[in-house]
């Protein structure tokens, strides 16, 4: 079982699919994050985030019994996008992500081309 199986059971199935591997497979963080993409489930996910000290099975039962079963639109999970300019600045100046984003506006495209040539390690790219 994956955390997404438990999320689908909370949203649609309502079959209580908890078994002997529940404590190993269930991730409250991922289930709450998946619920937060649906506007009618945000408050329930927040309620479980404020009660993080509860055991996983109690949280799962709460979500199964409070969230109504209905078809909701699929939302693609947001992911961190990497920026080549930021990665070049980070590797050349040995800056953190935040610092590289701060100075990225100060560096023009000509300097970025020079930095790219200086940090080029070769290879097939």
PDB file of N, CA and C in Angstrom:
ATOM      1  N   UNK A   1       0.846  -1.188   0.000  1.00  0.00           N
ATOM      2  CA  UNK A   1       0.000   0.000   0.000  1.00  0.00           C
ATOM      3  C   UNK A   1       0.891   1.251   0.000  1.00  0.00           C
ATOM      4  N   UNK A   2       0.442   2.242  -0.737  1.00  0.00           N
ATOM      5  CA  UNK A   2       1.150   3.516  -0.775  1.00  0.00           C
ATOM      6  C   UNK A   2       0.294   4.572  -0.080  1.00  0.00           C
ATOM      7  N   UNK A   3       0.893   5.702   0.283  1.00  0.00           N
ATOM      8  CA  UNK A   3       0.087   6.781   0.872  1.00  0.00           C
ATOM      9  C   UNK A   3      -1.024   7.261  -0.057  1.00  0.00           C
ATOM     10  N   UNK A   4      -0.834   7.107  -1.363  1.00  0.00           N
ATOM     11  CA  UNK A   4      -1.843   7.535  -2.321  1.00  0.00           C
ATOM     12  C   UNK A   4      -3.060   6.610  -2.307  1.00  0.00           C
ATOM     13  N   UNK A   5      -2.843   5.345  -1.964  1.00  0.00           N
ATOM     14  CA  UNK A   5      -3.977   4.428  -1.795  1.00  0.00           C
ATOM     15  C   UNK A   5      -4.844   4.875  -0.621  1.00  0.00           C
ATOM     16  N   UNK A   6      -4.193   5.280   0.456  1.00  0.00           N
ATOM     17  CA  UNK A   6      -4.945   5.769   1.620  1.00  0.00           C
ATOM     18  C   UNK A   6      -5.654   7.081   1.299  1.00  0.00           C
ATOM     19  N   UNK A   7      -5.006   7.943   0.528  1.00  0.00           N
ATOM     20  CA  UNK A   7      -5.632   9.202   0.125  1.00  0.00           C
ATOM     21  C   UNK A   7      -6.860   8.946  -0.730  1.00  0.00           C
ATOM     22  N   UNK A   8      -6.762   8.023  -1.680  1.00  0.00           N
ATOM     23  CA  UNK A   8      -7.920   7.687  -2.511  1.00  0.00           C
ATOM     24  C   UNK A   8      -9.029   7.068  -1.682  1.00  0.00           C
ATOM     25  N   UNK A   9      -8.677   6.286  -0.677  1.00  0.00           N
ATOM     26  CA  UNK A   9      -9.691   5.695   0.181  1.00  0.00           C
ATOM     27  C   UNK A   9     -10.396   6.768   1.004  1.00  0.00           C
ATOM     28  N   UNK A  10      -9.659   7.762   1.457  1.00  0.00           N
ATOM     29  CA  UNK A  10     -10.271   8.857   2.217  1.00  0.00           C
ATOM     30  C   UNK A  10     -11.206   9.662   1.323  1.00  0.00           C
ATOM     31  N   UNK A  11     -10.792   9.929   0.074  1.00  0.00           N
ATOM     32  CA  UNK A  11     -11.579  10.775  -0.809  1.00  0.00           C
ATOM     33  C   UNK A  11     -12.742  10.039  -1.473  1.00  0.00           C
ATOM     34  N   UNK A  12     -12.550   8.773  -1.862  1.00  0.00           N
ATOM     35  CA  UNK A  12     -13.559   8.079  -2.650  1.00  0.00           C
ATOM     36  C   UNK A  12     -14.061   6.780  -2.019  1.00  0.00           C
ATOM     37  N   UNK A  13     -13.132   5.911  -1.608  1.00  0.00           N
ATOM     38  CA  UNK A  13     -13.465   4.526  -1.291  1.00  0.00           C
ATOM     39  C   UNK A  13     -14.252   4.312  -0.020  1.00  0.00           C
ATOM     40  N   UNK A  14     -13.776   4.879   1.093  1.00  0.00           N
ATOM     41  CA  UNK A  14     -14.416   4.738   2.411  1.00  0.00           C
ATOM     42  C   UNK A  14     -14.525   3.276   2.838  1.00  0.00           C
ATOM     43  N   UNK A  15     -13.480   2.466   2.542  1.00  0.00           N
ATOM     44  CA  UNK A  15     -13.522   1.051   2.889  1.00  0.00           C
ATOM     45  C   UNK A  15     -12.650   0.700   4.087  1.00  0.00           C
ATOM     46  N   UNK A  16     -11.899   1.656   4.643  1.00  0.00           N
ATOM     47  CA  UNK A  16     -10.986   1.430   5.755  1.00  0.00           C
ATOM     48  C   UNK A  16     -10.022   0.298   5.406  1.00  0.00           C
ATOM     49  N   UNK A  17      -9.098   0.589   4.534  1.00  0.00           N
ATOM     50  CA  UNK A  17      -8.171  -0.408   4.017  1.00  0.00           C
ATOM     51  C   UNK A  17      -6.939  -0.598   4.898  1.00  0.00           C
ATOM     52  N   UNK A  18      -6.988  -0.142   6.133  1.00  0.00           N
ATOM     53  CA  UNK A  18      -5.860  -0.300   7.051  1.00  0.00           C
ATOM     54  C   UNK A  18      -5.640  -1.779   7.332  1.00  0.00           C
ATOM     55  N   UNK A  19      -4.387  -2.202   7.238  1.00  0.00           N
ATOM     56  CA  UNK A  19      -4.042  -3.590   7.508  1.00  0.00           C
ATOM     57  C   UNK A  19      -2.846  -3.633   8.453  1.00  0.00           C
ATOM     58  N   UNK A  20      -2.144  -4.744   8.512  1.00  0.00           N
ATOM     59  CA  UNK A  20      -1.045  -4.892   9.466  1.00  0.00           C
ATOM     60  C   UNK A  20       0.165  -4.029   9.102  1.00  0.00           C
ATOM     61  N   UNK A  21       0.286  -3.576   7.871  1.00  0.00           N
ATOM     62  CA  UNK A  21       1.401  -2.704   7.482  1.00  0.00           C
ATOM     63  C   UNK A  21       1.001  -1.233   7.481  1.00  0.00           C
ATOM     64  N   UNK A  22      -0.100  -0.904   8.112  1.00  0.00           N
ATOM     65  CA  UNK A  22      -0.616   0.466   8.084  1.00  0.00           C
ATOM     66  C   UNK A  22       0.382   1.461   8.652  1.00  0.00           C
ATOM     67  N   UNK A  23       0.940   1.185   9.822  1.00  0.00           N
ATOM     68  CA  UNK A  23       1.846   2.143  10.469  1.00  0.00           C
ATOM     69  C   UNK A  23       3.104   2.385   9.651  1.00  0.00           C
ATOM     70  N   UNK A  24       3.519   1.414   8.858  1.00  0.00           N
ATOM     71  CA  UNK A  24       4.702   1.571   8.026  1.00  0.00           C
ATOM     72  C   UNK A  24       4.378   2.331   6.739  1.00  0.00           C
ATOM     73  N   UNK A  25       3.210   2.102   6.173  1.00  0.00           N
ATOM     74  CA  UNK A  25       2.862   2.665   4.871  1.00  0.00           C
ATOM     75  C   UNK A  25       2.203   4.036   4.940  1.00  0.00           C
ATOM     76  N   UNK A  26       1.456   4.311   5.991  1.00  0.00           N
ATOM     77  CA  UNK A  26       0.667   5.544   6.065  1.00  0.00           C
ATOM     78  C   UNK A  26       1.577   6.722   6.382  1.00  0.00           C
ATOM     79  N   UNK A  27       1.483   7.763   5.580  1.00  0.00           N
ATOM     80  CA  UNK A  27       2.222   8.997   5.815  1.00  0.00           C
ATOM     81  C   UNK A  27       1.205  10.124   5.967  1.00  0.00           C
ATOM     82  N   UNK A  28       1.041  10.589   7.194  1.00  0.00           N
ATOM     83  CA  UNK A  28       0.051  11.636   7.456  1.00  0.00           C
ATOM     84  C   UNK A  28       0.382  12.909   6.677  1.00  0.00           C
ATOM     85  N   UNK A  29       1.662  13.206   6.534  1.00  0.00           N
ATOM     86  CA  UNK A  29       2.065  14.401   5.798  1.00  0.00           C
ATOM     87  C   UNK A  29       1.584  14.344   4.349  1.00  0.00           C
ATOM     88  N   UNK A  30       1.819  13.215   3.675  1.00  0.00           N
ATOM     89  CA  UNK A  30       1.421  13.106   2.271  1.00  0.00           C
ATOM     90  C   UNK A  30      -0.092  13.095   2.096  1.00  0.00           C
ATOM     91  N   UNK A  31      -0.798  12.435   3.007  1.00  0.00           N
ATOM     92  CA  UNK A  31      -2.258  12.417   2.917  1.00  0.00           C
ATOM     93  C   UNK A  31      -2.813  13.818   3.134  1.00  0.00           C
ATOM     94  N   UNK A  32      -2.296  14.536   4.131  1.00  0.00           N
ATOM     95  CA  UNK A  32      -2.763  15.899   4.388  1.00  0.00           C
ATOM     96  C   UNK A  32      -2.402  16.835   3.248  1.00  0.00           C
ATOM     97  N   UNK A  33      -1.243  16.629   2.657  1.00  0.00           N
ATOM     98  CA  UNK A  33      -0.858  17.462   1.521  1.00  0.00           C
ATOM     99  C   UNK A  33      -1.771  17.197   0.327  1.00  0.00           C
ATOM    100  N   UNK A  34      -2.098  15.928   0.093  1.00  0.00           N
ATOM    101  CA  UNK A  34      -3.017  15.593  -0.990  1.00  0.00           C
ATOM    102  C   UNK A  34      -4.404  16.159  -0.763  1.00  0.00           C
ATOM    103  N   UNK A  35      -4.841  16.175   0.487  1.00  0.00           N
ATOM    104  CA  UNK A  35      -6.153  16.743   0.802  1.00  0.00           C
ATOM    105  C   UNK A  35      -6.168  18.259   0.624  1.00  0.00           C
ATOM    106  N   UNK A  36      -5.029  18.897   0.837  1.00  0.00           N
ATOM    107  CA  UNK A  36      -4.988  20.357   0.769  1.00  0.00           C
ATOM    108  C   UNK A  36      -5.184  20.893  -0.643  1.00  0.00           C
ATOM    109  N   UNK A  37      -5.104  20.044  -1.655  1.00  0.00           N
ATOM    110  CA  UNK A  37      -5.351  20.484  -3.027  1.00  0.00           C
ATOM    111  C   UNK A  37      -6.844  20.615  -3.334  1.00  0.00           C
ATOM    112  N   UNK A  38      -7.696  20.140  -2.452  1.00  0.00           N
ATOM    113  CA  UNK A  38      -9.141  20.217  -2.659  1.00  0.00           C
ATOM    114  C   UNK A  38      -9.721  21.233  -1.672  1.00  0.00           C
ATOM    115  N   UNK A  39     -10.465  22.183  -2.197  1.00  0.00           N
ATOM    116  CA  UNK A  39     -10.938  23.291  -1.365  1.00  0.00           C
ATOM    117  C   UNK A  39     -11.871  22.846  -0.245  1.00  0.00           C
ATOM    118  N   UNK A  40     -12.615  21.762  -0.439  1.00  0.00           N
ATOM    119  CA  UNK A  40     -13.522  21.322   0.618  1.00  0.00           C
ATOM    120  C   UNK A  40     -12.829  20.441   1.661  1.00  0.00           C
ATOM    121  N   UNK A  41     -11.562  20.116   1.448  1.00  0.00           N
ATOM    122  CA  UNK A  41     -10.829  19.248   2.384  1.00  0.00           C
ATOM    123  C   UNK A  41      -9.712  19.966   3.127  1.00  0.00           C
ATOM    124  N   UNK A  42      -9.469  21.223   2.802  1.00  0.00           N
ATOM    125  CA  UNK A  42      -8.357  21.961   3.406  1.00  0.00           C
ATOM    126  C   UNK A  42      -8.503  22.053   4.918  1.00  0.00           C
ATOM    127  N   UNK A  43      -9.687  22.332   5.384  1.00  0.00           N
ATOM    128  CA  UNK A  43      -9.895  22.497   6.827  1.00  0.00           C
ATOM    129  C   UNK A  43      -9.662  21.187   7.584  1.00  0.00           C
ATOM    130  N   UNK A  44     -10.027  20.060   6.979  1.00  0.00           N
ATOM    131  CA  UNK A  44      -9.802  18.772   7.624  1.00  0.00           C
ATOM    132  C   UNK A  44      -8.308  18.446   7.684  1.00  0.00           C
ATOM    133  N   UNK A  45      -7.589  18.767   6.618  1.00  0.00           N
ATOM    134  CA  UNK A  45      -6.140  18.546   6.608  1.00  0.00           C
ATOM    135  C   UNK A  45      -5.461  19.438   7.636  1.00  0.00           C
ATOM    136  N   UNK A  46      -5.922  20.684   7.751  1.00  0.00           N
ATOM    137  CA  UNK A  46      -5.356  21.595   8.736  1.00  0.00           C
ATOM    138  C   UNK A  46      -5.647  21.114  10.159  1.00  0.00           C
ATOM    139  N   UNK A  47      -6.819  20.564  10.365  1.00  0.00           N
ATOM    140  CA  UNK A  47      -7.176  20.027  11.675  1.00  0.00           C
ATOM    141  C   UNK A  47      -6.226  18.903  12.075  1.00  0.00           C
ATOM    142  N   UNK A  48      -5.870  18.067  11.122  1.00  0.00           N
ATOM    143  CA  UNK A  48      -4.936  16.973  11.411  1.00  0.00           C
ATOM    144  C   UNK A  48      -3.513  17.485  11.568  1.00  0.00           C
ATOM    145  N   UNK A  49      -3.172  18.565  10.884  1.00  0.00           N
ATOM    146  CA  UNK A  49      -1.844  19.158  11.067  1.00  0.00           C
ATOM    147  C   UNK A  49      -1.699  19.764  12.454  1.00  0.00           C
ATOM    148  N   UNK A  50      -2.772  20.341  12.988  1.00  0.00           N
ATOM    149  CA  UNK A  50      -2.691  20.904  14.336  1.00  0.00           C
ATOM    150  C   UNK A  50      -2.677  19.820  15.398  1.00  0.00           C
ATOM    151  N   UNK A  51      -3.145  18.625  15.055  1.00  0.00           N
ATOM    152  CA  UNK A  51      -3.138  17.503  15.995  1.00  0.00           C
ATOM    153  C   UNK A  51      -2.162  16.424  15.514  1.00  0.00           C
ATOM    154  N   UNK A  52      -0.948  16.829  15.241  1.00  0.00           N
ATOM    155  CA  UNK A  52       0.066  15.919  14.719  1.00  0.00           C
ATOM    156  C   UNK A  52       0.474  14.844  15.711  1.00  0.00           C
ATOM    157  N   UNK A  53       0.205  15.070  16.970  1.00  0.00           N
ATOM    158  CA  UNK A  53       0.598  14.123  18.017  1.00  0.00           C
ATOM    159  C   UNK A  53      -0.318  12.893  18.076  1.00  0.00           C
ATOM    160  N   UNK A  54      -1.456  12.944  17.394  1.00  0.00           N
ATOM    161  CA  UNK A  54      -2.355  11.788  17.378  1.00  0.00           C
ATOM    162  C   UNK A  54      -1.721  10.653  16.589  1.00  0.00           C
ATOM    163  N   UNK A  55      -2.067   9.414  16.958  1.00  0.00           N
ATOM    164  CA  UNK A  55      -1.521   8.295  16.196  1.00  0.00           C
ATOM    165  C   UNK A  55      -2.159   8.273  14.799  1.00  0.00           C
ATOM    166  N   UNK A  56      -1.467   7.612  13.886  1.00  0.00           N
ATOM    167  CA  UNK A  56      -1.841   7.647  12.474  1.00  0.00           C
ATOM    168  C   UNK A  56      -3.213   7.030  12.223  1.00  0.00           C
ATOM    169  N   UNK A  57      -3.526   5.962  12.923  1.00  0.00           N
ATOM    170  CA  UNK A  57      -4.801   5.292  12.687  1.00  0.00           C
ATOM    171  C   UNK A  57      -5.975   6.180  13.104  1.00  0.00           C
ATOM    172  N   UNK A  58      -5.830   6.926  14.188  1.00  0.00           N
ATOM    173  CA  UNK A  58      -6.892   7.840  14.624  1.00  0.00           C
ATOM    174  C   UNK A  58      -7.092   8.960  13.601  1.00  0.00           C
ATOM    175  N   UNK A  59      -5.994   9.468  13.057  1.00  0.00           N
ATOM    176  CA  UNK A  59      -6.110  10.499  12.032  1.00  0.00           C
ATOM    177  C   UNK A  59      -6.812   9.942  10.790  1.00  0.00           C
ATOM    178  N   UNK A  60      -6.445   8.747  10.405  1.00  0.00           N
ATOM    179  CA  UNK A  60      -7.043   8.112   9.233  1.00  0.00           C
ATOM    180  C   UNK A  60      -8.540   7.900   9.433  1.00  0.00           C
ATOM    181  N   UNK A  61      -8.941   7.421  10.603  1.00  0.00           N
ATOM    182  CA  UNK A  61     -10.364   7.222  10.882  1.00  0.00           C
ATOM    183  C   UNK A  61     -11.128   8.535  10.877  1.00  0.00           C
ATOM    184  N   UNK A  62     -10.526   9.577  11.432  1.00  0.00           N
ATOM    185  CA  UNK A  62     -11.166  10.888  11.432  1.00  0.00           C
ATOM    186  C   UNK A  62     -11.417  11.351   9.996  1.00  0.00           C
ATOM    187  N   UNK A  63     -10.408  11.223   9.144  1.00  0.00           N
ATOM    188  CA  UNK A  63     -10.544  11.695   7.760  1.00  0.00           C
ATOM    189  C   UNK A  63     -11.567  10.877   6.991  1.00  0.00           C
ATOM    190  N   UNK A  64     -11.573   9.565   7.186  1.00  0.00           N
ATOM    191  CA  UNK A  64     -12.538   8.712   6.486  1.00  0.00           C
ATOM    192  C   UNK A  64     -13.969   9.065   6.879  1.00  0.00           C
ATOM    193  N   UNK A  65     -14.178   9.350   8.145  1.00  0.00           N
ATOM    194  CA  UNK A  65     -15.537   9.567   8.633  1.00  0.00           C
ATOM    195  C   UNK A  65     -16.030  10.997   8.510  1.00  0.00           C
ATOM    196  N   UNK A  66     -15.165  11.955   8.192  1.00  0.00           N
ATOM    197  CA  UNK A  66     -15.623  13.345   8.095  1.00  0.00           C
ATOM    198  C   UNK A  66     -15.677  13.867   6.669  1.00  0.00           C
ATOM    199  N   UNK A  67     -14.809  13.398   5.797  1.00  0.00           N
ATOM    200  CA  UNK A  67     -14.779  13.899   4.421  1.00  0.00           C
ATOM    201  C   UNK A  67     -15.801  13.135   3.593  1.00  0.00           C
ATOM    202  N   UNK A  68     -16.640  13.874   2.905  1.00  0.00           N
ATOM    203  CA  UNK A  68     -17.668  13.253   2.076  1.00  0.00           C
ATOM    204  C   UNK A  68     -17.061  12.625   0.836  1.00  0.00           C
ATOM    205  N   UNK A  69     -17.602  11.508   0.460  1.00  0.00           N
ATOM    206  CA  UNK A  69     -17.134  10.805  -0.720  1.00  0.00           C
ATOM    207  C   UNK A  69     -17.778  11.421  -1.960  1.00  0.00           C
ATOM    208  N   UNK A  70     -16.947  11.944  -2.838  1.00  0.00           N
ATOM    209  CA  UNK A  70     -17.427  12.473  -4.106  1.00  0.00           C
ATOM    210  C   UNK A  70     -16.254  12.578  -5.057  1.00  0.00           C
ATOM    211  N   UNK A  71     -16.549  12.639  -6.314  1.00  0.00           N
ATOM    212  CA  UNK A  71     -15.520  12.742  -7.331  1.00  0.00           C
ATOM    213  C   UNK A  71     -14.998  14.169  -7.360  1.00  0.00           C
ATOM    214  N   UNK A  72     -13.711  14.325  -7.164  1.00  0.00           N
ATOM    215  CA  UNK A  72     -13.075  15.632  -7.177  1.00  0.00           C
ATOM    216  C   UNK A  72     -12.109  15.698  -8.354  1.00  0.00           C
ATOM    217  N   UNK A  73     -11.878  16.883  -8.885  1.00  0.00           N
ATOM    218  CA  UNK A  73     -10.950  16.978 -10.019  1.00  0.00           C
ATOM    219  C   UNK A  73      -9.530  16.649  -9.574  1.00  0.00           C
ATOM    220  N   UNK A  74      -8.777  16.038 -10.469  1.00  0.00           N
ATOM    221  CA  UNK A  74      -7.390  15.690 -10.190  1.00  0.00           C
ATOM    222  C   UNK A  74      -6.538  16.950 -10.258  1.00  0.00           C
ATOM    223  N   UNK A  75      -5.718  17.148  -9.244  1.00  0.00           N
ATOM    224  CA  UNK A  75      -4.796  18.286  -9.225  1.00  0.00           C
ATOM    225  C   UNK A  75      -3.378  17.762  -9.252  1.00  0.00           C
ATOM    226  N   UNK A  76      -2.605  18.233 -10.202  1.00  0.00           N
ATOM    227  CA  UNK A  76      -1.215  17.821 -10.293  1.00  0.00           C
ATOM    228  C   UNK A  76      -0.453  18.418  -9.112  1.00  0.00           C
ATOM    229  N   UNK A  77       0.373  17.614  -8.480  1.00  0.00           N
ATOM    230  CA  UNK A  77       1.132  18.069  -7.321  1.00  0.00           C
ATOM    231  C   UNK A  77       2.196  19.054  -7.772  1.00  0.00           C
ATOM    232  N   UNK A  78       2.303  20.168  -7.065  1.00  0.00           N
ATOM    233  CA  UNK A  78       3.296  21.167  -7.441  1.00  0.00           C
ATOM    234  C   UNK A  78       4.684  20.686  -7.037  1.00  0.00           C
ATOM    235  N   UNK A  79       5.631  20.977  -7.879  1.00  0.00           N
ATOM    236  CA  UNK A  79       7.014  20.583  -7.646  1.00  0.00           C
ATOM    237  C   UNK A  79       7.914  21.791  -7.832  1.00  0.00           C
ATOM    238  N   UNK A  80       9.045  21.725  -7.191  1.00  0.00           N
ATOM    239  CA  UNK A  80      10.022  22.800  -7.290  1.00  0.00           C
ATOM    240  C   UNK A  80      10.653  22.790  -8.675  1.00  0.00           C
ATOM    241  N   UNK A  81      10.632  23.923  -9.339  1.00  0.00           N
ATOM    242  CA  UNK A  81      11.223  24.027 -10.665  1.00  0.00           C
ATOM    243  C   UNK A  81      12.652  24.550 -10.542  1.00  0.00           C
ATOM    244  N   UNK A  82      13.562  23.903 -11.239  1.00  0.00           N
ATOM    245  CA  UNK A  82      14.947  24.357 -11.190  1.00  0.00           C
ATOM    246  C   UNK A  82      15.189  25.346 -12.326  1.00  0.00           C
ATOM    247  N   UNK A  83      15.985  26.344 -12.041  1.00  0.00           N
ATOM    248  CA  UNK A  83      16.311  27.379 -13.007  1.00  0.00           C
ATOM    249  C   UNK A  83      17.803  27.270 -13.321  1.00  0.00           C
ATOM    250  N   UNK A  84      18.148  27.189 -14.602  1.00  0.00           N
ATOM    251  CA  UNK A  84      19.550  27.017 -14.994  1.00  0.00           C
ATOM    252  C   UNK A  84      20.400  28.207 -14.559  1.00  0.00           C
ATOM    253  N   UNK A  85      19.846  29.411 -14.665  1.00  0.00           N
ATOM    254  CA  UNK A  85      20.593  30.605 -14.276  1.00  0.00           C
ATOM    255  C   UNK A  85      20.924  30.564 -12.785  1.00  0.00           C
ATOM    256  N   UNK A  86      19.958  30.180 -11.963  1.00  0.00           N
ATOM    257  CA  UNK A  86      20.167  30.102 -10.519  1.00  0.00           C
ATOM    258  C   UNK A  86      21.184  29.010 -10.196  1.00  0.00           C
ATOM    259  N   UNK A  87      21.096  27.870 -10.887  1.00  0.00           N
ATOM    260  CA  UNK A  87      22.041  26.777 -10.634  1.00  0.00           C
ATOM    261  C   UNK A  87      23.465  27.169 -11.004  1.00  0.00           C
ATOM    262  N   UNK A  88      23.626  27.917 -12.095  1.00  0.00           N
ATOM    263  CA  UNK A  88      24.963  28.395 -12.475  1.00  0.00           C
ATOM    264  C   UNK A  88      25.526  29.350 -11.428  1.00  0.00           C
ATOM    265  N   UNK A  89      24.706  30.267 -10.956  1.00  0.00           N
ATOM    266  CA  UNK A  89      25.150  31.223  -9.935  1.00  0.00           C
ATOM    267  C   UNK A  89      25.516  30.488  -8.653  1.00  0.00           C
ATOM    268  N   UNK A  90      24.723  29.509  -8.283  1.00  0.00           N
ATOM    269  CA  UNK A  90      25.005  28.738  -7.071  1.00  0.00           C
ATOM    270  C   UNK A  90      26.329  27.988  -7.176  1.00  0.00           C
ATOM    271  N   UNK A  91      26.572  27.364  -8.312  1.00  0.00           N
ATOM    272  CA  UNK A  91      27.800  26.579  -8.440  1.00  0.00           C
ATOM    273  C   UNK A  91      29.041  27.465  -8.586  1.00  0.00           C
ATOM    274  N   UNK A  92      28.936  28.577  -9.291  1.00  0.00           N
ATOM    275  CA  UNK A  92      30.097  29.428  -9.530  1.00  0.00           C
ATOM    276  C   UNK A  92      30.493  30.218  -8.282  1.00  0.00           C
ATOM    277  N   UNK A  93      29.514  30.840  -7.633  1.00  0.00           N
ATOM    278  CA  UNK A  93      29.807  31.670  -6.471  1.00  0.00           C
ATOM    279  C   UNK A  93      29.684  30.919  -5.149  1.00  0.00           C
ATOM    280  N   UNK A  94      29.228  29.679  -5.199  1.00  0.00           N
ATOM    281  CA  UNK A  94      29.009  28.854  -4.008  1.00  0.00           C
ATOM    282  C   UNK A  94      28.020  29.549  -3.052  1.00  0.00           C
ATOM    283  N   UNK A  95      26.886  29.974  -3.623  1.00  0.00           N
ATOM    284  CA  UNK A  95      25.838  30.638  -2.861  1.00  0.00           C
ATOM    285  C   UNK A  95      24.705  29.668  -2.568  1.00  0.00           C
ATOM    286  N   UNK A  96      23.903  30.034  -1.600  1.00  0.00           N
ATOM    287  CA  UNK A  96      22.696  29.263  -1.304  1.00  0.00           C
ATOM    288  C   UNK A  96      21.618  29.627  -2.324  1.00  0.00           C
ATOM    289  N   UNK A  97      20.524  28.878  -2.301  1.00  0.00           N
ATOM    290  CA  UNK A  97      19.422  29.125  -3.233  1.00  0.00           C
ATOM    291  C   UNK A  97      18.855  30.538  -3.052  1.00  0.00           C
ATOM    292  N   UNK A  98      18.653  30.937  -1.829  1.00  0.00           N
ATOM    293  CA  UNK A  98      18.057  32.251  -1.545  1.00  0.00           C
ATOM    294  C   UNK A  98      18.973  33.377  -2.009  1.00  0.00           C
ATOM    295  N   UNK A  99      20.254  33.270  -1.667  1.00  0.00           N
ATOM    296  CA  UNK A  99      21.213  34.304  -2.063  1.00  0.00           C
ATOM    297  C   UNK A  99      21.359  34.373  -3.586  1.00  0.00           C
ATOM    298  N   UNK A 100      21.359  33.221  -4.256  1.00  0.00           N
ATOM    299  CA  UNK A 100      21.472  33.200  -5.712  1.00  0.00           C
ATOM    300  C   UNK A 100      20.264  33.854  -6.360  1.00  0.00           C
ATOM    301  N   UNK A 101      19.077  33.647  -5.807  1.00  0.00           N
ATOM    302  CA  UNK A 101      17.880  34.306  -6.346  1.00  0.00           C
ATOM    303  C   UNK A 101      17.943  35.820  -6.150  1.00  0.00           C
ATOM    304  N   UNK A 102      18.536  36.254  -5.026  1.00  0.00           N
ATOM    305  CA  UNK A 102      18.642  37.692  -4.768  1.00  0.00           C
ATOM    306  C   UNK A 102      19.534  38.389  -5.789  1.00  0.00           C
ATOM    307  N   UNK A 103      20.654  37.756  -6.133  1.00  0.00           N
ATOM    308  CA  UNK A 103      21.594  38.435  -7.036  1.00  0.00           C
ATOM    309  C   UNK A 103      21.364  38.092  -8.503  1.00  0.00           C
ATOM    310  N   UNK A 104      20.417  37.217  -8.807  1.00  0.00           N
ATOM    311  CA  UNK A 104      20.200  36.830 -10.209  1.00  0.00           C
ATOM    312  C   UNK A 104      19.748  38.004 -11.069  1.00  0.00           C
ATOM    313  N   UNK A 105      19.079  38.972 -10.458  1.00  0.00           N
ATOM    314  CA  UNK A 105      18.649  40.140 -11.230  1.00  0.00           C
ATOM    315  C   UNK A 105      19.806  41.078 -11.542  1.00  0.00           C
ATOM    316  N   UNK A 106      20.887  40.990 -10.785  1.00  0.00           N
ATOM    317  CA  UNK A 106      22.033  41.874 -10.985  1.00  0.00           C
ATOM    318  C   UNK A 106      22.977  41.383 -12.080  1.00  0.00           C
ATOM    319  N   UNK A 107      22.878  40.117 -12.431  1.00  0.00           N
ATOM    320  CA  UNK A 107      23.787  39.530 -13.413  1.00  0.00           C
ATOM    321  C   UNK A 107      23.069  39.456 -14.760  1.00  0.00           C
ATOM    322  N   UNK A 108      23.709  40.032 -15.781  1.00  0.00           N
ATOM    323  CA  UNK A 108      23.073  40.028 -17.103  1.00  0.00           C
ATOM    324  C   UNK A 108      23.435  38.758 -17.874  1.00  0.00           C
ATOM    325  N   UNK A 109      22.886  38.612 -19.066  1.00  0.00           N
ATOM    326  CA  UNK A 109      23.041  37.390 -19.858  1.00  0.00           C
ATOM    327  C   UNK A 109      24.480  37.168 -20.330  1.00  0.00           C
ATOM    328  N   UNK A 110      25.220  38.251 -20.588  1.00  0.00           N
ATOM    329  CA  UNK A 110      26.615  38.093 -21.020  1.00  0.00           C
ATOM    330  C   UNK A 110      27.449  37.440 -19.914  1.00  0.00           C
ATOM    331  N   UNK A 111      27.250  37.879 -18.688  1.00  0.00           N
ATOM    332  CA  UNK A 111      27.982  37.288 -17.570  1.00  0.00           C
ATOM    333  C   UNK A 111      27.559  35.832 -17.339  1.00  0.00           C
ATOM    334  N   UNK A 112      26.303  35.556 -17.560  1.00  0.00           N
ATOM    335  CA  UNK A 112      25.816  34.178 -17.398  1.00  0.00           C
ATOM    336  C   UNK A 112      26.487  33.269 -18.429  1.00  0.00           C
ATOM    337  N   UNK A 113      26.659  33.759 -19.668  1.00  0.00           N
ATOM    338  CA  UNK A 113      27.340  32.968 -20.703  1.00  0.00           C
ATOM    339  C   UNK A 113      28.790  32.688 -20.307  1.00  0.00           C
ATOM    340  N   UNK A 114      29.474  33.703 -19.737  1.00  0.00           N
ATOM    341  CA  UNK A 114      30.853  33.512 -19.285  1.00  0.00           C
ATOM    342  C   UNK A 114      30.921  32.495 -18.147  1.00  0.00           C
ATOM    343  N   UNK A 115      29.995  32.612 -17.212  1.00  0.00           N
ATOM    344  CA  UNK A 115      29.954  31.685 -16.083  1.00  0.00           C
ATOM    345  C   UNK A 115      29.685  30.270 -16.582  1.00  0.00           C
ATOM    346  N   UNK A 116      28.834  30.151 -17.573  1.00  0.00           N
ATOM    347  CA  UNK A 116      28.517  28.833 -18.126  1.00  0.00           C
ATOM    348  C   UNK A 116      29.754  28.226 -18.790  1.00  0.00           C
ATOM    349  N   UNK A 117      30.526  29.038 -19.487  1.00  0.00           N
ATOM    350  CA  UNK A 117      31.751  28.539 -20.111  1.00  0.00           C
ATOM    351  C   UNK A 117      32.783  28.134 -19.060  1.00  0.00           C
ATOM    352  N   UNK A 118      32.886  28.923 -17.991  1.00  0.00           N
ATOM    353  CA  UNK A 118      33.869  28.619 -16.946  1.00  0.00           C
ATOM    354  C   UNK A 118      33.497  27.382 -16.119  1.00  0.00           C
ATOM    355  N   UNK A 119      32.219  27.133 -15.957  1.00  0.00           N
ATOM    356  CA  UNK A 119      31.808  25.981 -15.141  1.00  0.00           C
ATOM    357  C   UNK A 119      31.499  24.766 -15.984  1.00  0.00           C
ATOM    358  N   UNK A 120      31.703  24.823 -17.300  1.00  0.00           N
ATOM    359  CA  UNK A 120      31.415  23.687 -18.177  1.00  0.00           C
ATOM    360  C   UNK A 120      32.368  22.540 -17.874  1.00  0.00           C
ATOM    361  N   UNK A 121      31.816  21.391 -17.546  1.00  0.00           N
ATOM    362  CA  UNK A 121      32.635  20.226 -17.200  1.00  0.00           C
ATOM    363  C   UNK A 121      32.785  19.269 -18.384  1.00  0.00           C
ATOM    364  N   UNK A 122      32.219  19.590 -19.512  1.00  0.00           N
ATOM    365  CA  UNK A 122      32.276  18.714 -20.669  1.00  0.00           C
ATOM    366  C   UNK A 122      31.185  17.668 -20.619  1.00  0.00           C
ATOM    367  N   UNK A 123      31.341  16.618 -21.341  1.00  0.00           N
ATOM    368  CA  UNK A 123      30.335  15.567 -21.357  1.00  0.00           C
ATOM    369  C   UNK A 123      29.455  15.664 -22.576  1.00  0.00           C
ATOM    370  N   UNK A 124      28.358  14.961 -22.544  1.00  0.00           N
ATOM    371  CA  UNK A 124      27.482  14.900 -23.718  1.00  0.00           C
ATOM    372  C   UNK A 124      26.437  15.984 -23.747  1.00  0.00           C
ATOM    373  N   UNK A 125      26.268  16.766 -22.709  1.00  0.00           N
ATOM    374  CA  UNK A 125      25.250  17.819 -22.704  1.00  0.00           C
ATOM    375  C   UNK A 125      25.634  18.917 -23.622  1.00  0.00           C
TER     376      UNK A 125
END
